[in-house]
């Protein structure tokens, strides 16, 4: 296998529709990260707090990826619901649908979770010191 075949294989893997959902899941966490960096700079928390942020954020990322797994399993059923709602006849889910589903699942899980550590709530800064 030469280098061009290897690169083409990686492009196919990273451009797969299910990977778009994974990118969608991480999009919300990057948003939370940039909010946290802004807060850390204002309160002079230091670089160690960024590591603590990702350590405490990891469980939310894994939880969202697990819920996105259900979207992958039931994508045909969800697509038929979408077709009925949007009055369309899409035969196969498109890449952007997986991206939106990944971001939407993540946003929904984070909002429903009772003890959300960061998003849209006051943060206990001592947790990150």
C-alpha atoms as a PDB file:
ATOM      1  CA  UNK A   1       0.000   0.000   0.000  1.00  0.00           C
ATOM      2  CA  UNK A   2       1.537   3.290  -1.019  1.00  0.00           C
ATOM      3  CA  UNK A   3       1.068   6.634   0.709  1.00  0.00           C
ATOM      4  CA  UNK A   4      -1.699   7.900  -1.591  1.00  0.00           C
ATOM      5  CA  UNK A   5      -3.873   4.855  -0.865  1.00  0.00           C
ATOM      6  CA  UNK A   6      -3.293   5.348   2.836  1.00  0.00           C
ATOM      7  CA  UNK A   7      -4.257   9.027   2.637  1.00  0.00           C
ATOM      8  CA  UNK A   8      -7.369   8.210   0.608  1.00  0.00           C
ATOM      9  CA  UNK A   9      -8.379   5.610   3.202  1.00  0.00           C
ATOM     10  CA  UNK A  10      -8.025   8.141   6.034  1.00  0.00           C
ATOM     11  CA  UNK A  11      -9.991  10.745   4.085  1.00  0.00           C
ATOM     12  CA  UNK A  12     -12.809   8.237   3.584  1.00  0.00           C
ATOM     13  CA  UNK A  13     -12.798   7.350   7.283  1.00  0.00           C
ATOM     14  CA  UNK A  14     -12.712  10.943   8.512  1.00  0.00           C
ATOM     15  CA  UNK A  15     -15.367  12.015   5.991  1.00  0.00           C
ATOM     16  CA  UNK A  16     -17.791   9.220   6.834  1.00  0.00           C
ATOM     17  CA  UNK A  17     -21.254  10.348   7.922  1.00  0.00           C
ATOM     18  CA  UNK A  18     -20.938   8.780  11.355  1.00  0.00           C
ATOM     19  CA  UNK A  19     -17.760  10.760  11.943  1.00  0.00           C
ATOM     20  CA  UNK A  20     -19.774  13.908  11.194  1.00  0.00           C
ATOM     21  CA  UNK A  21     -21.892  13.061  14.232  1.00  0.00           C
ATOM     22  CA  UNK A  22     -18.780  12.681  16.345  1.00  0.00           C
ATOM     23  CA  UNK A  23     -17.635  16.112  15.144  1.00  0.00           C
ATOM     24  CA  UNK A  24     -21.050  17.465  16.143  1.00  0.00           C
ATOM     25  CA  UNK A  25     -20.673  16.030  19.641  1.00  0.00           C
ATOM     26  CA  UNK A  26     -17.264  17.625  20.065  1.00  0.00           C
ATOM     27  CA  UNK A  27     -18.492  20.982  18.714  1.00  0.00           C
ATOM     28  CA  UNK A  28     -20.456  21.781  21.876  1.00  0.00           C
ATOM     29  CA  UNK A  29     -17.558  20.750  24.081  1.00  0.00           C
ATOM     30  CA  UNK A  30     -15.199  23.027  22.160  1.00  0.00           C
ATOM     31  CA  UNK A  31     -17.687  25.839  22.672  1.00  0.00           C
ATOM     32  CA  UNK A  32     -17.678  25.118  26.402  1.00  0.00           C
ATOM     33  CA  UNK A  33     -13.887  24.975  26.339  1.00  0.00           C
ATOM     34  CA  UNK A  34     -13.528  28.408  24.771  1.00  0.00           C
ATOM     35  CA  UNK A  35     -15.973  29.840  27.308  1.00  0.00           C
ATOM     36  CA  UNK A  36     -13.895  28.266  30.057  1.00  0.00           C
ATOM     37  CA  UNK A  37     -10.631  29.658  28.653  1.00  0.00           C
ATOM     38  CA  UNK A  38     -12.169  33.124  28.724  1.00  0.00           C
ATOM     39  CA  UNK A  39     -13.258  32.610  32.324  1.00  0.00           C
ATOM     40  CA  UNK A  40      -9.874  31.162  33.302  1.00  0.00           C
ATOM     41  CA  UNK A  41      -8.102  34.212  31.883  1.00  0.00           C
ATOM     42  CA  UNK A  42     -10.401  36.587  33.768  1.00  0.00           C
ATOM     43  CA  UNK A  43      -9.804  34.802  37.075  1.00  0.00           C
ATOM     44  CA  UNK A  44      -6.131  33.947  36.434  1.00  0.00           C
ATOM     45  CA  UNK A  45      -6.624  30.226  36.980  1.00  0.00           C
ATOM     46  CA  UNK A  46      -3.507  29.114  35.112  1.00  0.00           C
ATOM     47  CA  UNK A  47      -2.764  26.321  32.649  1.00  0.00           C
ATOM     48  CA  UNK A  48      -3.451  23.503  35.093  1.00  0.00           C
ATOM     49  CA  UNK A  49      -7.126  24.463  35.144  1.00  0.00           C
ATOM     50  CA  UNK A  50      -7.424  23.623  31.434  1.00  0.00           C
ATOM     51  CA  UNK A  51      -6.322  20.059  32.136  1.00  0.00           C
ATOM     52  CA  UNK A  52      -8.841  19.861  34.960  1.00  0.00           C
ATOM     53  CA  UNK A  53     -11.540  21.152  32.631  1.00  0.00           C
ATOM     54  CA  UNK A  54     -10.987  18.297  30.159  1.00  0.00           C
ATOM     55  CA  UNK A  55     -10.693  15.772  33.002  1.00  0.00           C
ATOM     56  CA  UNK A  56     -14.088  16.845  34.350  1.00  0.00           C
ATOM     57  CA  UNK A  57     -15.610  17.187  30.861  1.00  0.00           C
ATOM     58  CA  UNK A  58     -14.668  13.705  29.693  1.00  0.00           C
ATOM     59  CA  UNK A  59     -17.715  12.003  31.232  1.00  0.00           C
ATOM     60  CA  UNK A  60     -20.066  14.361  29.354  1.00  0.00           C
ATOM     61  CA  UNK A  61     -18.278  13.628  26.078  1.00  0.00           C
ATOM     62  CA  UNK A  62     -18.527   9.862  26.564  1.00  0.00           C
ATOM     63  CA  UNK A  63     -22.184  10.115  27.570  1.00  0.00           C
ATOM     64  CA  UNK A  64     -23.007  12.131  24.449  1.00  0.00           C
ATOM     65  CA  UNK A  65     -21.134   9.673  22.209  1.00  0.00           C
ATOM     66  CA  UNK A  66     -23.116   6.801  23.729  1.00  0.00           C
ATOM     67  CA  UNK A  67     -26.398   8.582  23.000  1.00  0.00           C
ATOM     68  CA  UNK A  68     -25.214   9.355  19.481  1.00  0.00           C
ATOM     69  CA  UNK A  69     -24.702   5.608  19.038  1.00  0.00           C
ATOM     70  CA  UNK A  70     -28.487   5.256  19.297  1.00  0.00           C
ATOM     71  CA  UNK A  71     -28.863   7.787  16.496  1.00  0.00           C
ATOM     72  CA  UNK A  72     -26.578   5.654  14.324  1.00  0.00           C
ATOM     73  CA  UNK A  73     -28.545   2.507  15.143  1.00  0.00           C
ATOM     74  CA  UNK A  74     -31.952   4.073  14.500  1.00  0.00           C
ATOM     75  CA  UNK A  75     -30.995   6.443  11.700  1.00  0.00           C
ATOM     76  CA  UNK A  76     -33.455   4.923   9.204  1.00  0.00           C
ATOM     77  CA  UNK A  77     -36.365   5.305  11.621  1.00  0.00           C
ATOM     78  CA  UNK A  78     -35.324   8.850  12.472  1.00  0.00           C
ATOM     79  CA  UNK A  79     -35.028   9.637   8.760  1.00  0.00           C
ATOM     80  CA  UNK A  80     -38.601   8.458   8.168  1.00  0.00           C
ATOM     81  CA  UNK A  81     -39.781  10.724  11.004  1.00  0.00           C
ATOM     82  CA  UNK A  82     -37.828  13.590   9.436  1.00  0.00           C
ATOM     83  CA  UNK A  83     -39.392  12.872   6.024  1.00  0.00           C
ATOM     84  CA  UNK A  84     -42.861  13.015   7.540  1.00  0.00           C
ATOM     85  CA  UNK A  85     -42.137  16.222   9.446  1.00  0.00           C
ATOM     86  CA  UNK A  86     -40.335  18.061   6.647  1.00  0.00           C
ATOM     87  CA  UNK A  87     -42.585  16.587   3.937  1.00  0.00           C
ATOM     88  CA  UNK A  88     -39.603  15.406   1.911  1.00  0.00           C
ATOM     89  CA  UNK A  89     -38.491  12.109   0.447  1.00  0.00           C
ATOM     90  CA  UNK A  90     -34.844  11.799   1.461  1.00  0.00           C
ATOM     91  CA  UNK A  91     -33.768   8.198   0.887  1.00  0.00           C
ATOM     92  CA  UNK A  92     -30.431   8.262   2.680  1.00  0.00           C
ATOM     93  CA  UNK A  93     -29.306  10.444   5.569  1.00  0.00           C
ATOM     94  CA  UNK A  94     -26.885  13.136   4.496  1.00  0.00           C
ATOM     95  CA  UNK A  95     -23.683  14.140   6.253  1.00  0.00           C
ATOM     96  CA  UNK A  96     -25.078  17.362   7.699  1.00  0.00           C
ATOM     97  CA  UNK A  97     -27.926  15.421   9.320  1.00  0.00           C
ATOM     98  CA  UNK A  98     -25.454  13.373  11.345  1.00  0.00           C
ATOM     99  CA  UNK A  99     -23.545  16.516  12.328  1.00  0.00           C
ATOM    100  CA  UNK A 100     -26.750  18.215  13.501  1.00  0.00           C
ATOM    101  CA  UNK A 101     -27.840  15.052  15.316  1.00  0.00           C
ATOM    102  CA  UNK A 102     -24.494  14.844  17.122  1.00  0.00           C
ATOM    103  CA  UNK A 103     -24.644  18.474  18.199  1.00  0.00           C
ATOM    104  CA  UNK A 104     -28.356  18.254  19.074  1.00  0.00           C
ATOM    105  CA  UNK A 105     -27.971  15.095  21.145  1.00  0.00           C
ATOM    106  CA  UNK A 106     -25.080  16.680  22.976  1.00  0.00           C
ATOM    107  CA  UNK A 107     -26.982  19.892  23.664  1.00  0.00           C
ATOM    108  CA  UNK A 108     -30.062  17.974  24.810  1.00  0.00           C
ATOM    109  CA  UNK A 109     -28.130  15.682  27.162  1.00  0.00           C
ATOM    110  CA  UNK A 110     -26.173  18.559  28.676  1.00  0.00           C
ATOM    111  CA  UNK A 111     -29.345  20.587  29.229  1.00  0.00           C
ATOM    112  CA  UNK A 112     -31.276  17.683  30.758  1.00  0.00           C
ATOM    113  CA  UNK A 113     -28.465  16.658  33.056  1.00  0.00           C
ATOM    114  CA  UNK A 114     -29.111  18.049  36.545  1.00  0.00           C
ATOM    115  CA  UNK A 115     -25.513  18.698  37.572  1.00  0.00           C
ATOM    116  CA  UNK A 116     -24.084  20.278  34.465  1.00  0.00           C
ATOM    117  CA  UNK A 117     -20.678  21.587  35.397  1.00  0.00           C
ATOM    118  CA  UNK A 118     -20.379  24.457  33.013  1.00  0.00           C
ATOM    119  CA  UNK A 119     -22.798  25.439  30.326  1.00  0.00           C
ATOM    120  CA  UNK A 120     -25.174  28.340  31.047  1.00  0.00           C
ATOM    121  CA  UNK A 121     -24.667  28.121  34.806  1.00  0.00           C
ATOM    122  CA  UNK A 122     -22.532  29.747  37.447  1.00  0.00           C
ATOM    123  CA  UNK A 123     -19.269  27.865  37.772  1.00  0.00           C
ATOM    124  CA  UNK A 124     -17.614  26.783  40.985  1.00  0.00           C
ATOM    125  CA  UNK A 125     -14.149  28.142  40.240  1.00  0.00           C
ATOM    126  CA  UNK A 126     -12.601  26.247  43.144  1.00  0.00           C
ATOM    127  CA  UNK A 127     -13.318  23.057  41.218  1.00  0.00           C
ATOM    128  CA  UNK A 128     -10.757  24.124  38.592  1.00  0.00           C
ATOM    129  CA  UNK A 129      -8.036  25.601  40.827  1.00  0.00           C
END
